[in-house]
Amino acid sequence: MKFKMAKNSVFAQLLRANWYVSGFIGVLMGLIGVISMPPGYRLFGTIMGIPFLIVCFIRFRQQWDEPGPMRTEEVLQKMRKLTWDQFSAEIEVALLRDGFAVKRIDMQEADFHITADGKTALVSCRRWKVPNTGIEPLRELHKAVVREGVDEGYYVTAGEYTDNALKFASEKKLKLIHDMPLVKLLKELRYTETGKV
């Protein structure tokens, strides 16, 4: 049986927060443990902070690889200047690198069919330059996911989503890839707006 952490547990929330939050709590809990234990046993009081310090280390490692806001916007600007052939090549390479079997498809609603660990998904990314994505392209993708009988749908954009689009994606369990997650997916662009690097 695989252990799954509750989404809103303390540790799950700390794994979504900045690393120094759990670090501060770990040090604080350790100090409380030391102070509250009788002399001769104070070393054992530090154990109270160890789980939080482990979370701190995990988040630090995760955030070490995360681009900051300025770097994120810089890369997104570069993405918006790419041609479709360049951008789709970047996406395809990134998906292959992450272990997906990738097949390009000629559909209005989606551009790639991907498979990993027995699950299949459709990926739509042709409208990546649109500054603000609304609900309609997500509705189209969801219909294609149902029609094709795949497990998931991913929508990729270098822009943002409207509130209605975010709500629809949440209801239909579509995965939205944009902002920092998109920059992390592509990591290093192999193309510039003038050609291959």
Protein backbone atom coordinates (compact mmCIF):
# COMPACT_ATOMS: atom_id res chain seq x y z
CA MET A 1 0.00 0.00 0.00
CA LYS A 2 1.46 3.36 -1.05
CA PHE A 3 1.47 6.10 1.58
CA LYS A 4 -0.25 9.29 0.45
CA MET A 5 0.04 12.49 2.46
CA ALA A 6 -3.21 14.37 3.15
CA LYS A 7 -3.40 17.43 0.90
CA ASN A 8 -4.02 19.89 3.75
CA SER A 9 -1.86 18.30 6.45
CA VAL A 10 0.76 20.49 8.14
CA PHE A 11 3.64 18.81 6.33
CA ALA A 12 1.87 18.93 2.95
CA GLN A 13 1.35 22.67 3.37
CA LEU A 14 4.97 23.16 4.43
CA LEU A 15 6.08 21.29 1.30
CA ARG A 16 4.30 24.01 -0.69
CA ALA A 17 5.73 26.90 1.35
CA ASN A 18 9.18 28.48 1.24
CA TRP A 19 11.94 26.33 2.75
CA TYR A 20 12.73 28.79 5.55
CA VAL A 21 9.19 28.45 7.01
CA SER A 22 9.71 24.80 7.98
CA GLY A 23 13.30 25.63 8.96
CA PHE A 24 12.13 28.28 11.42
CA ILE A 25 9.47 25.94 12.86
CA GLY A 26 12.07 23.15 13.18
CA VAL A 27 14.49 25.34 15.12
CA LEU A 28 11.67 26.70 17.29
CA MET A 29 10.33 23.21 18.08
CA GLY A 30 13.85 22.03 18.88
CA LEU A 31 14.37 24.93 21.30
CA ILE A 32 11.01 24.27 22.96
CA GLY A 33 11.96 20.62 23.32
CA VAL A 34 15.31 21.47 24.88
CA ILE A 35 13.80 23.97 27.33
CA SER A 36 10.96 21.67 28.37
CA MET A 37 13.14 18.62 29.07
CA PRO A 38 14.86 18.11 32.42
CA PRO A 39 18.68 18.44 32.58
CA GLY A 40 20.41 15.37 31.21
CA TYR A 41 17.59 14.71 28.73
CA ARG A 42 17.65 17.98 26.80
CA LEU A 43 19.42 16.43 23.84
CA PHE A 44 16.30 14.32 23.26
CA GLY A 45 14.21 17.49 23.13
CA THR A 46 15.81 18.43 19.82
CA ILE A 47 14.00 15.46 18.24
CA MET A 48 10.81 17.55 18.15
CA GLY A 49 12.28 19.75 15.44
CA ILE A 50 13.82 17.05 13.24
CA PRO A 51 10.72 16.31 11.04
CA PHE A 52 10.40 20.02 10.22
CA LEU A 53 14.10 20.30 9.42
CA ILE A 54 13.77 17.32 7.05
CA VAL A 55 10.92 19.15 5.28
CA CYS A 56 13.09 22.29 5.23
CA PHE A 57 15.88 20.36 3.48
CA ILE A 58 13.46 18.84 0.93
CA ARG A 59 11.96 22.25 0.09
CA PHE A 60 15.39 23.84 -0.11
CA ARG A 61 16.46 21.25 -2.69
CA GLN A 62 13.23 21.78 -4.64
CA GLN A 63 13.45 25.56 -4.59
CA TRP A 64 17.12 25.53 -5.50
CA ASP A 65 16.09 24.41 -8.99
CA GLU A 66 13.13 26.79 -9.23
CA PRO A 67 13.64 29.93 -11.32
CA GLY A 68 12.84 33.22 -9.59
CA PRO A 69 10.12 35.61 -10.84
CA MET A 70 12.53 37.62 -13.02
CA ARG A 71 14.04 34.52 -14.61
CA THR A 72 10.56 33.05 -15.14
CA GLU A 73 9.31 36.14 -16.96
CA GLU A 74 12.51 36.35 -19.03
CA VAL A 75 12.11 32.76 -20.28
CA LEU A 76 8.36 33.22 -20.91
CA GLN A 77 9.14 36.27 -23.06
CA LYS A 78 11.56 34.16 -25.11
CA MET A 79 8.95 31.43 -25.51
CA ARG A 80 6.41 33.92 -26.90
CA LYS A 81 8.88 34.85 -29.66
CA LEU A 82 9.36 31.28 -30.91
CA THR A 83 7.67 29.90 -34.00
CA TRP A 84 5.25 27.00 -33.63
CA ASP A 85 7.82 24.56 -35.05
CA GLN A 86 10.40 25.72 -32.48
CA PHE A 87 8.03 25.73 -29.51
CA SER A 88 6.50 22.34 -30.32
CA ALA A 89 10.01 20.90 -30.68
CA GLU A 90 10.88 22.25 -27.21
CA ILE A 91 7.75 20.67 -25.73
CA GLU A 92 8.38 17.34 -27.44
CA VAL A 93 12.00 17.15 -26.22
CA ALA A 94 10.94 18.07 -22.67
CA LEU A 95 8.23 15.40 -22.57
CA LEU A 96 10.59 12.73 -23.92
CA ARG A 97 13.20 13.75 -21.33
CA ASP A 98 10.62 13.35 -18.56
CA GLY A 99 9.88 9.77 -19.60
CA PHE A 100 6.79 10.12 -21.79
CA ALA A 101 6.20 8.29 -25.05
CA VAL A 102 5.21 11.16 -27.34
CA LYS A 103 3.19 11.13 -30.55
CA ARG A 104 2.28 14.23 -32.53
CA ILE A 105 -1.37 14.30 -33.55
CA ASP A 106 -3.32 16.36 -36.06
CA MET A 107 -6.30 17.51 -34.00
CA GLN A 108 -7.84 20.93 -33.53
CA GLU A 109 -8.08 20.40 -29.76
CA ALA A 110 -4.67 18.88 -29.02
CA ASP A 111 -1.15 18.59 -30.42
CA PHE A 112 0.42 15.59 -28.64
CA HIS A 113 -0.68 12.20 -27.36
CA ILE A 114 1.55 11.13 -24.46
CA THR A 115 1.87 7.91 -22.45
CA ALA A 116 3.66 7.07 -19.21
CA ASP A 117 3.12 4.46 -16.50
CA GLY A 118 0.10 3.04 -18.29
CA LYS A 119 -1.71 6.40 -18.43
CA THR A 120 -2.44 8.42 -21.53
CA ALA A 121 -3.07 12.12 -22.01
CA LEU A 122 -3.64 14.78 -24.64
CA VAL A 123 -1.49 17.92 -24.64
CA SER A 124 -2.68 21.17 -26.18
CA CYS A 125 -0.09 23.92 -26.64
CA ARG A 126 -0.63 25.52 -30.07
CA ARG A 127 -2.09 28.72 -28.52
CA TRP A 128 0.89 29.25 -26.21
CA LYS A 129 1.27 32.91 -27.25
CA VAL A 130 -2.25 33.94 -26.17
CA PRO A 131 -1.85 36.38 -23.23
CA ASN A 132 -5.03 35.32 -21.43
CA THR A 133 -6.64 31.91 -22.06
CA GLY A 134 -10.38 31.65 -21.51
CA ILE A 135 -12.68 28.70 -21.00
CA GLU A 136 -13.38 27.77 -24.65
CA PRO A 137 -10.07 26.04 -25.59
CA LEU A 138 -10.20 24.14 -22.28
CA ARG A 139 -13.73 23.01 -23.06
CA GLU A 140 -12.52 21.78 -26.46
CA LEU A 141 -9.65 19.89 -24.85
CA HIS A 142 -11.95 18.29 -22.29
CA LYS A 143 -14.32 17.10 -25.04
CA ALA A 144 -11.35 15.57 -26.88
CA VAL A 145 -10.16 13.82 -23.69
CA VAL A 146 -13.62 12.26 -23.24
CA ARG A 147 -14.00 11.42 -26.94
CA GLU A 148 -10.55 9.80 -27.22
CA GLY A 149 -10.90 7.93 -23.92
CA VAL A 150 -7.58 9.14 -22.48
CA ASP A 151 -6.90 9.65 -18.78
CA GLU A 152 -5.88 13.32 -18.67
CA GLY A 153 -5.62 16.57 -20.55
CA TYR A 154 -2.78 19.13 -20.33
CA TYR A 155 -3.04 22.70 -21.55
CA VAL A 156 0.19 24.66 -22.03
CA THR A 157 0.50 28.43 -22.36
CA ALA A 158 3.12 31.12 -21.81
CA GLY A 159 0.28 33.45 -20.79
CA GLU A 160 -2.29 33.40 -18.00
CA TYR A 161 -5.77 31.92 -17.46
CA THR A 162 -9.03 33.69 -16.71
CA ASP A 163 -10.79 32.89 -13.42
CA ASN A 164 -13.51 30.98 -15.31
CA ALA A 165 -10.85 28.93 -17.10
CA LEU A 166 -9.16 28.07 -13.79
CA LYS A 167 -12.49 27.02 -12.30
CA PHE A 168 -13.39 24.89 -15.33
CA ALA A 169 -9.98 23.18 -15.33
CA SER A 170 -10.36 22.37 -11.64
CA GLU A 171 -13.84 20.91 -12.16
CA LYS A 172 -12.79 18.80 -15.17
CA LYS A 173 -9.39 17.87 -13.69
CA LEU A 174 -7.40 19.36 -16.57
CA LYS A 175 -3.74 20.09 -15.85
CA LEU A 176 -2.69 23.68 -16.59
CA ILE A 177 0.99 24.21 -17.38
CA HIS A 178 2.09 27.86 -17.34
CA ASP A 179 4.30 30.35 -15.52
CA MET A 180 7.06 28.70 -13.40
CA PRO A 181 5.94 25.06 -14.07
CA LEU A 182 6.28 25.73 -17.82
CA VAL A 183 9.74 27.27 -17.36
CA LYS A 184 10.77 24.26 -15.23
CA LEU A 185 9.38 21.87 -17.87
CA LEU A 186 11.42 23.40 -20.67
CA LYS A 187 14.42 24.23 -18.43
CA GLU A 188 16.85 25.45 -21.08
CA LEU A 189 15.46 26.66 -24.40
CA ARG A 190 17.34 25.30 -27.39
CA TYR A 191 15.91 27.98 -29.68
CA THR A 192 15.80 31.75 -29.78
CA GLU A 193 13.48 33.90 -31.88
CA THR A 194 16.21 34.00 -34.54
CA GLY A 195 16.90 30.28 -34.76
CA LYS A 196 18.51 27.35 -33.02
CA VAL A 197 20.99 28.07 -30.21
